[in-house]
Structure formats: C-alpha cells, structure tokens
Amino acid sequence: MSQPDINAVRAYFIDLQDRICKEIEAADGKAQFIEDNWQREGTGGGGGRTRVLTDGGTFEQGGVNFSQVTGDSLPASATASRPELAGRSFEALGVSLVIHPHNPYIPTSHANVRFFIAEKEGEEPIWWFGGGYDLTPYYGFEEDVISWHQTAKTACEPFGDDVYSRYKQWCDDYFLLKHRNEPRGVGGLFFDDLNEGGFEHCFNFMKSVGDSYTQAYLPIVKRRKELAFGERERDFQLYRRGRYVEFNLVYDRGTLFGLQSGGRTESILMSLPPLVKWRYNWQPEAGSAEAELYDVFLKPRDWLASSE
C-alpha cells in the first residue's frame, strides 16, 4: 500500500479553497471573502484559514474553511466505532464549506473533503479520506436535482461502476433528520473511512469529488439567481433553514468532531445560516409549492433514472 503524503494533501486543499472562493466571488458579483488565519489554542496544535462572505449580491453568507489540526488522542466521536484508534495521536485536515443564498429559489449547498491519519509508535499508521457534497433546496426544480446528481456521478465514474450509487445511498442515509424522519435535502455524495486501493487511488477520488463541486452547484445558481421572490418564499426559506441547524448541531460528524476535539468554535459553526425561523407544528398548504418540496423532493430516489 502506498504511503500517505500529507504535504500533497495539504497543497491540494489550499489550492481547492482558493479556487472555490474565486468561483463563488465571481458568481456573487458583489462581495468578497474575508480571511481569518487562526492557530489552535489549548491542547493539540495546528490552525487554519477561515474565509467568510456576507451580504453579497447572490449569497447571504458563505464560508469556505481550511483547517489542519493535530492532537495526542482522538475524541469520542471518532473512536466510538473504531476502538483501534484509542491511544493514537492524530492529524486531521480538510476543506469544508457551506453556501447560503439570498434567493429561496437557489438551494443551499455544502461540501467537504478531508483526510485523517492516526499514528502510534511501532505500528502502521491508520489513515482514511472522507467527504462529499449535498444540496438543500427550498423550492424544487427537477432539472437542478438531475444535473447535480449527474455531475456527482461523472466524478465517480472513473473509480468504479457502483461508486456513485453506493455513495449516493450513503448520503441519503447520512443526511437524515432521524427525529423528524425527514431528509435534509436531495442528497449527493457522502463517503468516509476510505482507504481501499491505496493512498494514490483514494487521493485521486477525493480530488475528483472536490474539483466537481462548483461544476455541480454554480450552474444551478446561474439558472435561479434572477427569479423573483417575495415575503412568502423568504419566510419558507428561513423556516427550512431550521432543519439545517438541527442536523448540524445534533448529527453532523464534522461539527461534533470539531467541538469535541477542542476545535475553533467560530470556524466550526460558520456553517449555520445567519437568519433562521422555527414554528410550532407548521404544515404547508396542500398543493402548494412548499408542499411539493416535502411530497416530491424530500423523497430519496434515483434521480438519474428519470432523466434517461
């Protein structure tokens, strides 16, 4: 098995963050990211570059983070299902991003690519890649969901015929609000603990996923950014953002890992939207565009089957 090259992974992540920020700024047309370089405090070492865009022409808030942190032991969120990691030092690095648009007809999107390595003197290192991306629409357009999944499938195709279907299913399973029995959105890709086939193979797959994110998302932004909306659509967008917050604070592995490992709270919680609403037992009006989101789009299925 080829040995992991952390420097190559880091260089890729830094470049990916730069490229995504430039493309998001160009799509926004108004705002620019501010950069916050930080060093990890307390136990462990490392740091990162947090970049945040706010009050843009298209995006209400977007964050694109790079971080690289080290520690003497992994937190409970990482060792619960992998007891062999107990007692190992670790290094974790990656890029994580969330884009929250102004216009309710543009979906929120999230992407993450990451690398972990856990080491112990006298033993072989344990390493893996993880990542993916997912789409959270407020008003559904089948054209958008199909193009999103087609781009994801294209990114996976060089790595095996069943890769897209497996990681698409994993995404559907992962981004489920169990307490509501409701998907967060229309899915995409999710993978974790990837080390099969050796370092180079896994690294190349992760790069294919990372490089395809803006190819999947920005055409949707372009199609929907000029659609007119009113108070009703904005109100529903803020209500649905509540589901995003619930998932991130209750289930999200990255959020839990970051908080439990003494990560930088401001950067970890950057994924949360700037404005959000909750209502007691609210239900959409039958036959409305809001009801269509629940009845049609928040029903996991093979989106590409309907386009063939």
C-alpha atoms as a PDB file:
ATOM      1  CA  MET A   1       0.000   0.000   0.000  1.00  0.00           C
ATOM      2  CA  SER A   2       1.420   3.409  -0.956  1.00  0.00           C
ATOM      3  CA  GLN A   3       2.303   5.621   1.993  1.00  0.00           C
ATOM      4  CA  PRO A   4       0.228   8.738   2.681  1.00  0.00           C
ATOM      5  CA  ASP A   5       1.712  12.091   1.638  1.00  0.00           C
ATOM      6  CA  ILE A   6       0.258  14.705   3.968  1.00  0.00           C
ATOM      7  CA  ASN A   7       2.097  17.560   2.232  1.00  0.00           C
ATOM      8  CA  ALA A   8       0.475  16.706  -1.108  1.00  0.00           C
ATOM      9  CA  VAL A   9      -2.954  16.553   0.542  1.00  0.00           C
ATOM     10  CA  ARG A  10      -2.400  19.895   2.241  1.00  0.00           C
ATOM     11  CA  ALA A  11      -1.279  21.542  -1.011  1.00  0.00           C
ATOM     12  CA  TYR A  12      -4.400  20.263  -2.759  1.00  0.00           C
ATOM     13  CA  PHE A  13      -6.705  21.541  -0.007  1.00  0.00           C
ATOM     14  CA  ILE A  14      -5.110  25.009  -0.011  1.00  0.00           C
ATOM     15  CA  ASP A  15      -5.466  25.227  -3.795  1.00  0.00           C
ATOM     16  CA  LEU A  16      -9.059  23.946  -3.686  1.00  0.00           C
ATOM     17  CA  GLN A  17     -10.043  26.579  -1.138  1.00  0.00           C
ATOM     18  CA  ASP A  18      -8.505  29.298  -3.320  1.00  0.00           C
ATOM     19  CA  ARG A  19     -10.262  28.082  -6.473  1.00  0.00           C
ATOM     20  CA  ILE A  20     -13.684  27.677  -4.862  1.00  0.00           C
ATOM     21  CA  CYS A  21     -13.536  31.128  -3.263  1.00  0.00           C
ATOM     22  CA  LYS A  22     -12.681  32.764  -6.592  1.00  0.00           C
ATOM     23  CA  GLU A  23     -15.550  30.992  -8.340  1.00  0.00           C
ATOM     24  CA  ILE A  24     -18.060  31.843  -5.594  1.00  0.00           C
ATOM     25  CA  GLU A  25     -16.983  35.507  -5.649  1.00  0.00           C
ATOM     26  CA  ALA A  26     -17.413  35.607  -9.427  1.00  0.00           C
ATOM     27  CA  ALA A  27     -20.886  34.062  -9.165  1.00  0.00           C
ATOM     28  CA  ASP A  28     -21.855  36.510  -6.423  1.00  0.00           C
ATOM     29  CA  GLY A  29     -20.733  39.578  -8.345  1.00  0.00           C
ATOM     30  CA  LYS A  30     -20.563  41.881  -5.311  1.00  0.00           C
ATOM     31  CA  ALA A  31     -18.957  40.619  -2.117  1.00  0.00           C
ATOM     32  CA  GLN A  32     -15.548  39.154  -1.389  1.00  0.00           C
ATOM     33  CA  PHE A  33     -14.403  36.672   1.222  1.00  0.00           C
ATOM     34  CA  ILE A  34     -12.644  37.976   4.299  1.00  0.00           C
ATOM     35  CA  GLU A  35      -9.873  35.724   5.569  1.00  0.00           C
ATOM     36  CA  ASP A  36      -9.178  34.860   9.185  1.00  0.00           C
ATOM     37  CA  ASN A  37      -5.948  32.950   9.797  1.00  0.00           C
ATOM     38  CA  TRP A  38      -6.021  31.226  13.163  1.00  0.00           C
ATOM     39  CA  GLN A  39      -3.901  28.995  15.359  1.00  0.00           C
ATOM     40  CA  ARG A  40      -5.400  26.315  17.535  1.00  0.00           C
ATOM     41  CA  GLU A  41      -5.406  27.110  21.233  1.00  0.00           C
ATOM     42  CA  GLY A  42      -5.214  24.700  24.163  1.00  0.00           C
ATOM     43  CA  THR A  43      -4.288  21.050  23.703  1.00  0.00           C
ATOM     44  CA  GLY A  44      -3.003  19.990  20.329  1.00  0.00           C
ATOM     45  CA  GLY A  45      -1.666  22.096  17.519  1.00  0.00           C
ATOM     46  CA  GLY A  46      -2.451  23.327  14.058  1.00  0.00           C
ATOM     47  CA  GLY A  47      -4.671  26.043  12.674  1.00  0.00           C
ATOM     48  CA  GLY A  48      -6.438  27.100   9.553  1.00  0.00           C
ATOM     49  CA  ARG A  49      -7.797  29.699   7.155  1.00  0.00           C
ATOM     50  CA  THR A  50     -11.435  30.610   7.616  1.00  0.00           C
ATOM     51  CA  ARG A  51     -12.971  32.579   4.766  1.00  0.00           C
ATOM     52  CA  VAL A  52     -16.436  34.109   5.047  1.00  0.00           C
ATOM     53  CA  LEU A  53     -18.512  36.073   2.537  1.00  0.00           C
ATOM     54  CA  THR A  54     -21.525  38.012   3.826  1.00  0.00           C
ATOM     55  CA  ASP A  55     -24.311  40.183   2.364  1.00  0.00           C
ATOM     56  CA  GLY A  56     -23.344  39.511  -1.216  1.00  0.00           C
ATOM     57  CA  GLY A  57     -25.295  40.121  -4.370  1.00  0.00           C
ATOM     58  CA  THR A  58     -26.305  36.458  -4.601  1.00  0.00           C
ATOM     59  CA  PHE A  59     -25.142  34.827  -1.377  1.00  0.00           C
ATOM     60  CA  GLU A  60     -26.363  35.895   2.046  1.00  0.00           C
ATOM     61  CA  GLN A  61     -23.499  34.068   3.691  1.00  0.00           C
ATOM     62  CA  GLY A  62     -20.870  31.606   2.591  1.00  0.00           C
ATOM     63  CA  GLY A  63     -17.956  30.059   4.382  1.00  0.00           C
ATOM     64  CA  VAL A  64     -15.036  28.097   2.944  1.00  0.00           C
ATOM     65  CA  ASN A  65     -12.695  26.735   5.604  1.00  0.00           C
ATOM     66  CA  PHE A  66      -9.335  25.034   5.514  1.00  0.00           C
ATOM     67  CA  SER A  67      -8.043  23.506   8.735  1.00  0.00           C
ATOM     68  CA  GLN A  68      -5.181  21.256   9.791  1.00  0.00           C
ATOM     69  CA  VAL A  69      -5.169  20.181  13.418  1.00  0.00           C
ATOM     70  CA  THR A  70      -3.207  17.682  15.493  1.00  0.00           C
ATOM     71  CA  GLY A  71      -3.792  16.070  18.860  1.00  0.00           C
ATOM     72  CA  ASP A  72      -2.467  13.420  21.225  1.00  0.00           C
ATOM     73  CA  SER A  73      -5.710  11.448  21.196  1.00  0.00           C
ATOM     74  CA  LEU A  74      -8.897  11.310  19.160  1.00  0.00           C
ATOM     75  CA  PRO A  75     -12.218  12.457  20.645  1.00  0.00           C
ATOM     76  CA  ALA A  76     -15.069  10.091  21.435  1.00  0.00           C
ATOM     77  CA  SER A  77     -16.891  10.945  18.188  1.00  0.00           C
ATOM     78  CA  ALA A  78     -14.003   9.418  16.216  1.00  0.00           C
ATOM     79  CA  THR A  79     -13.264   6.355  18.348  1.00  0.00           C
ATOM     80  CA  ALA A  80     -16.818   5.220  19.140  1.00  0.00           C
ATOM     81  CA  SER A  81     -16.995   2.941  16.107  1.00  0.00           C
ATOM     82  CA  ARG A  82     -13.234   2.374  15.774  1.00  0.00           C
ATOM     83  CA  PRO A  83     -11.736   1.329  19.118  1.00  0.00           C
ATOM     84  CA  GLU A  84      -8.402   0.572  17.409  1.00  0.00           C
ATOM     85  CA  LEU A  85      -7.857   4.341  17.240  1.00  0.00           C
ATOM     86  CA  ALA A  86      -7.770   4.734  21.018  1.00  0.00           C
ATOM     87  CA  GLY A  87      -4.388   5.887  22.271  1.00  0.00           C
ATOM     88  CA  ARG A  88      -3.211   7.180  18.909  1.00  0.00           C
ATOM     89  CA  SER A  89      -2.183  10.717  18.066  1.00  0.00           C
ATOM     90  CA  PHE A  90      -3.953  12.218  15.073  1.00  0.00           C
ATOM     91  CA  GLU A  91      -3.734  14.775  12.311  1.00  0.00           C
ATOM     92  CA  ALA A  92      -6.872  15.938  10.526  1.00  0.00           C
ATOM     93  CA  LEU A  93      -7.032  18.314   7.606  1.00  0.00           C
ATOM     94  CA  GLY A  94      -9.636  19.313   5.097  1.00  0.00           C
ATOM     95  CA  VAL A  95     -11.807  21.882   3.379  1.00  0.00           C
ATOM     96  CA  SER A  96     -15.397  22.390   4.457  1.00  0.00           C
ATOM     97  CA  LEU A  97     -17.869  24.854   3.004  1.00  0.00           C
ATOM     98  CA  VAL A  98     -21.495  25.927   3.174  1.00  0.00           C
ATOM     99  CA  ILE A  99     -23.168  28.462   0.888  1.00  0.00           C
ATOM    100  CA  HIS A 100     -26.462  30.096   1.945  1.00  0.00           C
ATOM    101  CA  PRO A 101     -28.058  32.124  -0.885  1.00  0.00           C
ATOM    102  CA  HIS A 102     -30.389  35.116  -0.604  1.00  0.00           C
ATOM    103  CA  ASN A 103     -32.851  33.876  -3.199  1.00  0.00           C
ATOM    104  CA  PRO A 104     -35.032  30.999  -1.911  1.00  0.00           C
ATOM    105  CA  TYR A 105     -35.073  29.501  -5.405  1.00  0.00           C
ATOM    106  CA  ILE A 106     -31.328  28.828  -5.120  1.00  0.00           C
ATOM    107  CA  PRO A 107     -30.565  25.822  -2.904  1.00  0.00           C
ATOM    108  CA  THR A 108     -28.123  25.868  -0.035  1.00  0.00           C
ATOM    109  CA  SER A 109     -25.124  23.675  -0.719  1.00  0.00           C
ATOM    110  CA  HIS A 110     -22.498  22.008   1.429  1.00  0.00           C
ATOM    111  CA  ALA A 111     -19.237  20.279   0.544  1.00  0.00           C
ATOM    112  CA  ASN A 112     -16.395  18.727   2.495  1.00  0.00           C
ATOM    113  CA  VAL A 113     -13.220  16.824   1.687  1.00  0.00           C
ATOM    114  CA  ARG A 114     -10.946  15.612   4.463  1.00  0.00           C
ATOM    115  CA  PHE A 115      -8.038  13.401   5.426  1.00  0.00           C
ATOM    116  CA  PHE A 116      -7.314  11.750   8.780  1.00  0.00           C
ATOM    117  CA  ILE A 117      -4.228   9.928   9.938  1.00  0.00           C
ATOM    118  CA  ALA A 118      -3.801   8.335  13.369  1.00  0.00           C
ATOM    119  CA  GLU A 119      -0.378   7.147  14.468  1.00  0.00           C
ATOM    120  CA  LYS A 120       1.189   5.139  17.271  1.00  0.00           C
ATOM    121  CA  GLU A 121       4.866   4.392  17.751  1.00  0.00           C
ATOM    122  CA  GLY A 122       5.866   0.966  16.452  1.00  0.00           C
ATOM    123  CA  GLU A 123       2.639   0.474  14.476  1.00  0.00           C
ATOM    124  CA  GLU A 124       1.469   1.206  10.956  1.00  0.00           C
ATOM    125  CA  PRO A 125      -0.484   4.458  10.601  1.00  0.00           C
ATOM    126  CA  ILE A 126      -4.248   4.283  10.178  1.00  0.00           C
ATOM    127  CA  TRP A 127      -5.486   6.757   7.581  1.00  0.00           C
ATOM    128  CA  TRP A 128      -8.566   7.498   5.545  1.00  0.00           C
ATOM    129  CA  PHE A 129     -10.269  10.045   3.324  1.00  0.00           C
ATOM    130  CA  GLY A 130     -13.829  11.309   3.592  1.00  0.00           C
ATOM    131  CA  GLY A 131     -16.062  13.889   2.027  1.00  0.00           C
ATOM    132  CA  GLY A 132     -18.855  14.589  -0.401  1.00  0.00           C
ATOM    133  CA  TYR A 133     -21.423  17.245  -1.147  1.00  0.00           C
ATOM    134  CA  ASP A 134     -25.175  17.658  -0.769  1.00  0.00           C
ATOM    135  CA  LEU A 135     -27.896  20.025  -1.930  1.00  0.00           C
ATOM    136  CA  THR A 136     -30.684  21.536   0.175  1.00  0.00           C
ATOM    137  CA  PRO A 137     -33.373  23.202  -1.949  1.00  0.00           C
ATOM    138  CA  TYR A 138     -36.268  25.255  -0.601  1.00  0.00           C
ATOM    139  CA  TYR A 139     -38.240  25.085  -3.842  1.00  0.00           C
ATOM    140  CA  GLY A 140     -37.572  22.081  -6.008  1.00  0.00           C
ATOM    141  CA  PHE A 141     -36.626  22.032  -9.695  1.00  0.00           C
ATOM    142  CA  GLU A 142     -36.125  18.572 -11.143  1.00  0.00           C
ATOM    143  CA  GLU A 143     -33.675  19.949 -13.712  1.00  0.00           C
ATOM    144  CA  ASP A 144     -31.419  21.166 -10.905  1.00  0.00           C
ATOM    145  CA  VAL A 145     -31.512  17.938  -8.925  1.00  0.00           C
ATOM    146  CA  ILE A 146     -30.772  15.840 -12.006  1.00  0.00           C
ATOM    147  CA  SER A 147     -27.830  17.997 -13.109  1.00  0.00           C
ATOM    148  CA  TRP A 148     -26.440  17.967  -9.547  1.00  0.00           C
ATOM    149  CA  HIS A 149     -26.539  14.172  -9.394  1.00  0.00           C
ATOM    150  CA  GLN A 150     -25.238  13.767 -12.950  1.00  0.00           C
ATOM    151  CA  THR A 151     -22.149  15.820 -12.103  1.00  0.00           C
ATOM    152  CA  ALA A 152     -21.638  13.715  -8.976  1.00  0.00           C
ATOM    153  CA  LYS A 153     -21.946  10.516 -10.984  1.00  0.00           C
ATOM    154  CA  THR A 154     -19.485  11.756 -13.607  1.00  0.00           C
ATOM    155  CA  ALA A 155     -16.938  12.497 -10.866  1.00  0.00           C
ATOM    156  CA  CYS A 156     -17.290   8.922  -9.579  1.00  0.00           C
ATOM    157  CA  GLU A 157     -17.320   7.020 -12.878  1.00  0.00           C
ATOM    158  CA  PRO A 158     -13.532   6.604 -13.337  1.00  0.00           C
ATOM    159  CA  PHE A 159     -13.359   4.856  -9.957  1.00  0.00           C
ATOM    160  CA  GLY A 160     -15.930   2.091 -10.466  1.00  0.00           C
ATOM    161  CA  ASP A 161     -19.396   1.431 -11.832  1.00  0.00           C
ATOM    162  CA  ASP A 162     -21.033   1.236  -8.401  1.00  0.00           C
ATOM    163  CA  VAL A 163     -19.196   4.092  -6.662  1.00  0.00           C
ATOM    164  CA  TYR A 164     -21.823   6.757  -7.351  1.00  0.00           C
ATOM    165  CA  SER A 165     -24.748   4.559  -6.326  1.00  0.00           C
ATOM    166  CA  ARG A 166     -23.051   3.493  -3.063  1.00  0.00           C
ATOM    167  CA  TYR A 167     -22.045   6.993  -2.020  1.00  0.00           C
ATOM    168  CA  LYS A 168     -25.358   8.460  -3.165  1.00  0.00           C
ATOM    169  CA  GLN A 169     -27.144   5.963  -0.886  1.00  0.00           C
ATOM    170  CA  TRP A 170     -24.746   6.735   1.972  1.00  0.00           C
ATOM    171  CA  CYS A 171     -25.528  10.438   1.519  1.00  0.00           C
ATOM    172  CA  ASP A 172     -29.277   9.768   1.674  1.00  0.00           C
ATOM    173  CA  ASP A 173     -28.783   7.711   4.839  1.00  0.00           C
ATOM    174  CA  TYR A 174     -26.432  10.195   6.488  1.00  0.00           C
ATOM    175  CA  PHE A 175     -28.324  13.453   5.869  1.00  0.00           C
ATOM    176  CA  LEU A 176     -31.496  12.216   7.544  1.00  0.00           C
ATOM    177  CA  LEU A 177     -33.040  14.077  10.459  1.00  0.00           C
ATOM    178  CA  LYS A 178     -33.965  10.992  12.436  1.00  0.00           C
ATOM    179  CA  HIS A 179     -36.059  12.888  14.965  1.00  0.00           C
ATOM    180  CA  ARG A 180     -38.284  14.089  12.093  1.00  0.00           C
ATOM    181  CA  ASN A 181     -37.788  11.112   9.747  1.00  0.00           C
ATOM    182  CA  GLU A 182     -37.056  13.685   7.065  1.00  0.00           C
ATOM    183  CA  PRO A 183     -34.133  14.105   4.641  1.00  0.00           C
ATOM    184  CA  ARG A 184     -32.219  17.367   4.907  1.00  0.00           C
ATOM    185  CA  GLY A 185     -32.294  17.802   1.147  1.00  0.00           C
ATOM    186  CA  VAL A 186     -31.926  15.919  -2.118  1.00  0.00           C
ATOM    187  CA  GLY A 187     -28.556  14.361  -1.352  1.00  0.00           C
ATOM    188  CA  GLY A 188     -25.469  13.970  -3.462  1.00  0.00           C
ATOM    189  CA  LEU A 189     -22.377  12.072  -2.300  1.00  0.00           C
ATOM    190  CA  PHE A 190     -21.054  11.043   1.097  1.00  0.00           C
ATOM    191  CA  PHE A 191     -18.085   8.801   1.857  1.00  0.00           C
ATOM    192  CA  ASP A 192     -15.894   8.183   4.877  1.00  0.00           C
ATOM    193  CA  ASP A 193     -13.173   5.799   6.111  1.00  0.00           C
ATOM    194  CA  LEU A 194     -11.892   5.457   2.528  1.00  0.00           C
ATOM    195  CA  ASN A 195      -8.515   3.712   2.252  1.00  0.00           C
ATOM    196  CA  GLU A 196      -9.235   0.764  -0.049  1.00  0.00           C
ATOM    197  CA  GLY A 197      -6.977   0.636  -3.104  1.00  0.00           C
ATOM    198  CA  GLY A 198      -4.091   2.569  -1.595  1.00  0.00           C
ATOM    199  CA  PHE A 199      -3.295   6.197  -0.953  1.00  0.00           C
ATOM    200  CA  GLU A 200      -2.948   7.436  -4.556  1.00  0.00           C
ATOM    201  CA  HIS A 201      -6.223   5.866  -5.665  1.00  0.00           C
ATOM    202  CA  CYS A 202      -8.148   7.282  -2.711  1.00  0.00           C
ATOM    203  CA  PHE A 203      -6.482  10.693  -3.021  1.00  0.00           C
ATOM    204  CA  ASN A 204      -7.413  10.891  -6.704  1.00  0.00           C
ATOM    205  CA  PHE A 205     -11.026  10.015  -5.942  1.00  0.00           C
ATOM    206  CA  MET A 206     -11.260  12.668  -3.255  1.00  0.00           C
ATOM    207  CA  LYS A 207      -9.796  15.226  -5.670  1.00  0.00           C
ATOM    208  CA  SER A 208     -12.372  14.281  -8.299  1.00  0.00           C
ATOM    209  CA  VAL A 209     -15.144  14.935  -5.786  1.00  0.00           C
ATOM    210  CA  GLY A 210     -13.626  18.214  -4.574  1.00  0.00           C
ATOM    211  CA  ASP A 211     -12.997  19.507  -8.089  1.00  0.00           C
ATOM    212  CA  SER A 212     -16.549  18.750  -9.238  1.00  0.00           C
ATOM    213  CA  TYR A 213     -18.393  20.691  -6.506  1.00  0.00           C
ATOM    214  CA  THR A 214     -18.552  24.054  -8.271  1.00  0.00           C
ATOM    215  CA  GLN A 215     -19.320  22.272 -11.554  1.00  0.00           C
ATOM    216  CA  ALA A 216     -22.378  20.821  -9.831  1.00  0.00           C
ATOM    217  CA  TYR A 217     -23.533  23.917  -7.928  1.00  0.00           C
ATOM    218  CA  LEU A 218     -22.790  27.074  -9.904  1.00  0.00           C
ATOM    219  CA  PRO A 219     -24.908  26.206 -12.976  1.00  0.00           C
ATOM    220  CA  ILE A 220     -27.893  25.904 -10.615  1.00  0.00           C
ATOM    221  CA  VAL A 221     -27.085  29.299  -9.105  1.00  0.00           C
ATOM    222  CA  LYS A 222     -26.935  30.834 -12.584  1.00  0.00           C
ATOM    223  CA  ARG A 223     -30.302  29.339 -13.573  1.00  0.00           C
ATOM    224  CA  ARG A 224     -32.162  30.558 -10.460  1.00  0.00           C
ATOM    225  CA  LYS A 225     -30.493  33.776  -9.277  1.00  0.00           C
ATOM    226  CA  GLU A 226     -32.738  36.121 -11.288  1.00  0.00           C
ATOM    227  CA  LEU A 227     -36.058  34.509 -10.320  1.00  0.00           C
ATOM    228  CA  ALA A 228     -38.324  36.953  -8.493  1.00  0.00           C
ATOM    229  CA  PHE A 229     -39.420  36.044  -4.965  1.00  0.00           C
ATOM    230  CA  GLY A 230     -41.474  37.621  -2.216  1.00  0.00           C
ATOM    231  CA  GLU A 231     -42.057  37.520   1.517  1.00  0.00           C
ATOM    232  CA  ARG A 232     -43.764  34.113   1.368  1.00  0.00           C
ATOM    233  CA  GLU A 233     -40.783  32.417  -0.273  1.00  0.00           C
ATOM    234  CA  ARG A 234     -38.319  34.139   2.025  1.00  0.00           C
ATOM    235  CA  ASP A 235     -40.337  33.107   5.074  1.00  0.00           C
ATOM    236  CA  PHE A 236     -40.340  29.456   3.970  1.00  0.00           C
ATOM    237  CA  GLN A 237     -36.613  29.588   3.294  1.00  0.00           C
ATOM    238  CA  LEU A 238     -35.939  30.772   6.854  1.00  0.00           C
ATOM    239  CA  TYR A 239     -38.222  28.079   8.261  1.00  0.00           C
ATOM    240  CA  ARG A 240     -36.487  25.330   6.283  1.00  0.00           C
ATOM    241  CA  ARG A 241     -33.091  26.619   7.367  1.00  0.00           C
ATOM    242  CA  GLY A 242     -34.103  25.457  10.827  1.00  0.00           C
ATOM    243  CA  ARG A 243     -33.743  21.878   9.617  1.00  0.00           C
ATOM    244  CA  TYR A 244     -30.200  22.684   8.529  1.00  0.00           C
ATOM    245  CA  VAL A 245     -29.357  23.936  12.005  1.00  0.00           C
ATOM    246  CA  GLU A 246     -30.950  20.910  13.662  1.00  0.00           C
ATOM    247  CA  PHE A 247     -28.903  18.478  11.603  1.00  0.00           C
ATOM    248  CA  ASN A 248     -25.603  20.271  12.062  1.00  0.00           C
ATOM    249  CA  LEU A 249     -25.909  20.570  15.826  1.00  0.00           C
ATOM    250  CA  VAL A 250     -27.349  17.111  16.500  1.00  0.00           C
ATOM    251  CA  TYR A 251     -25.868  14.730  13.927  1.00  0.00           C
ATOM    252  CA  ASP A 252     -23.079  16.215  11.826  1.00  0.00           C
ATOM    253  CA  ARG A 253     -19.818  14.287  12.324  1.00  0.00           C
ATOM    254  CA  GLY A 254     -17.594  17.218  11.433  1.00  0.00           C
ATOM    255  CA  THR A 255     -19.316  19.556  13.865  1.00  0.00           C
ATOM    256  CA  LEU A 256     -19.200  17.013  16.682  1.00  0.00           C
ATOM    257  CA  PHE A 257     -15.571  16.106  15.978  1.00  0.00           C
ATOM    258  CA  GLY A 258     -14.532  19.750  15.885  1.00  0.00           C
ATOM    259  CA  LEU A 259     -16.257  20.664  19.135  1.00  0.00           C
ATOM    260  CA  GLN A 260     -15.114  17.525  20.976  1.00  0.00           C
ATOM    261  CA  SER A 261     -11.502  17.861  19.829  1.00  0.00           C
ATOM    262  CA  GLY A 262     -11.168  21.456  21.014  1.00  0.00           C
ATOM    263  CA  GLY A 263     -11.529  22.963  17.555  1.00  0.00           C
ATOM    264  CA  ARG A 264     -12.161  26.604  16.798  1.00  0.00           C
ATOM    265  CA  THR A 265     -15.830  27.200  17.550  1.00  0.00           C
ATOM    266  CA  GLU A 266     -16.275  30.224  15.275  1.00  0.00           C
ATOM    267  CA  SER A 267     -14.993  28.268  12.280  1.00  0.00           C
ATOM    268  CA  ILE A 268     -16.970  25.124  13.126  1.00  0.00           C
ATOM    269  CA  LEU A 269     -20.277  26.976  13.481  1.00  0.00           C
ATOM    270  CA  MET A 270     -19.667  29.066  10.364  1.00  0.00           C
ATOM    271  CA  SER A 271     -21.917  26.548   8.583  1.00  0.00           C
ATOM    272  CA  LEU A 272     -25.017  27.887  10.326  1.00  0.00           C
ATOM    273  CA  PRO A 273     -27.222  30.345   8.408  1.00  0.00           C
ATOM    274  CA  PRO A 274     -27.309  33.994   9.566  1.00  0.00           C
ATOM    275  CA  LEU A 275     -31.117  34.064   9.880  1.00  0.00           C
ATOM    276  CA  VAL A 276     -33.498  31.217  10.681  1.00  0.00           C
ATOM    277  CA  LYS A 277     -37.060  30.607  11.981  1.00  0.00           C
ATOM    278  CA  TRP A 278     -38.864  27.854  13.840  1.00  0.00           C
ATOM    279  CA  ARG A 279     -42.626  27.384  14.155  1.00  0.00           C
ATOM    280  CA  TYR A 280     -44.647  25.032  16.287  1.00  0.00           C
ATOM    281  CA  ASN A 281     -46.104  22.149  14.253  1.00  0.00           C
ATOM    282  CA  TRP A 282     -46.252  24.096  10.995  1.00  0.00           C
ATOM    283  CA  GLN A 283     -47.569  22.286   7.908  1.00  0.00           C
ATOM    284  CA  PRO A 284     -47.512  23.504   4.295  1.00  0.00           C
ATOM    285  CA  GLU A 285     -50.764  24.152   2.472  1.00  0.00           C
ATOM    286  CA  ALA A 286     -51.816  21.141   0.383  1.00  0.00           C
ATOM    287  CA  GLY A 287     -50.981  21.548  -3.281  1.00  0.00           C
ATOM    288  CA  SER A 288     -48.636  24.480  -2.692  1.00  0.00           C
ATOM    289  CA  ALA A 289     -45.066  24.847  -3.944  1.00  0.00           C
ATOM    290  CA  GLU A 290     -43.958  24.462  -0.340  1.00  0.00           C
ATOM    291  CA  ALA A 291     -45.838  21.156  -0.032  1.00  0.00           C
ATOM    292  CA  GLU A 292     -44.205  19.968  -3.254  1.00  0.00           C
ATOM    293  CA  LEU A 293     -40.804  20.110  -1.555  1.00  0.00           C
ATOM    294  CA  TYR A 294     -41.996  17.553   1.004  1.00  0.00           C
ATOM    295  CA  ASP A 295     -44.141  15.452  -1.319  1.00  0.00           C
ATOM    296  CA  VAL A 296     -41.767  15.217  -4.293  1.00  0.00           C
ATOM    297  CA  PHE A 297     -38.239  16.317  -3.478  1.00  0.00           C
ATOM    298  CA  LEU A 298     -37.695  15.144   0.094  1.00  0.00           C
ATOM    299  CA  LYS A 299     -38.305  11.568  -1.058  1.00  0.00           C
ATOM    300  CA  PRO A 300     -34.969   9.857  -1.776  1.00  0.00           C
ATOM    301  CA  ARG A 301     -34.925   8.205  -5.174  1.00  0.00           C
ATOM    302  CA  ASP A 302     -32.742   7.530  -8.189  1.00  0.00           C
ATOM    303  CA  TRP A 303     -32.911  10.980  -9.754  1.00  0.00           C
ATOM    304  CA  LEU A 304     -30.932   9.932 -12.800  1.00  0.00           C
ATOM    305  CA  ALA A 305     -33.356   7.123 -13.690  1.00  0.00           C
ATOM    306  CA  SER A 306     -35.999   9.719 -14.536  1.00  0.00           C
ATOM    307  CA  SER A 307     -33.625  11.526 -16.920  1.00  0.00           C
ATOM    308  CA  GLU A 308     -32.639   8.517 -19.024  1.00  0.00           C
END
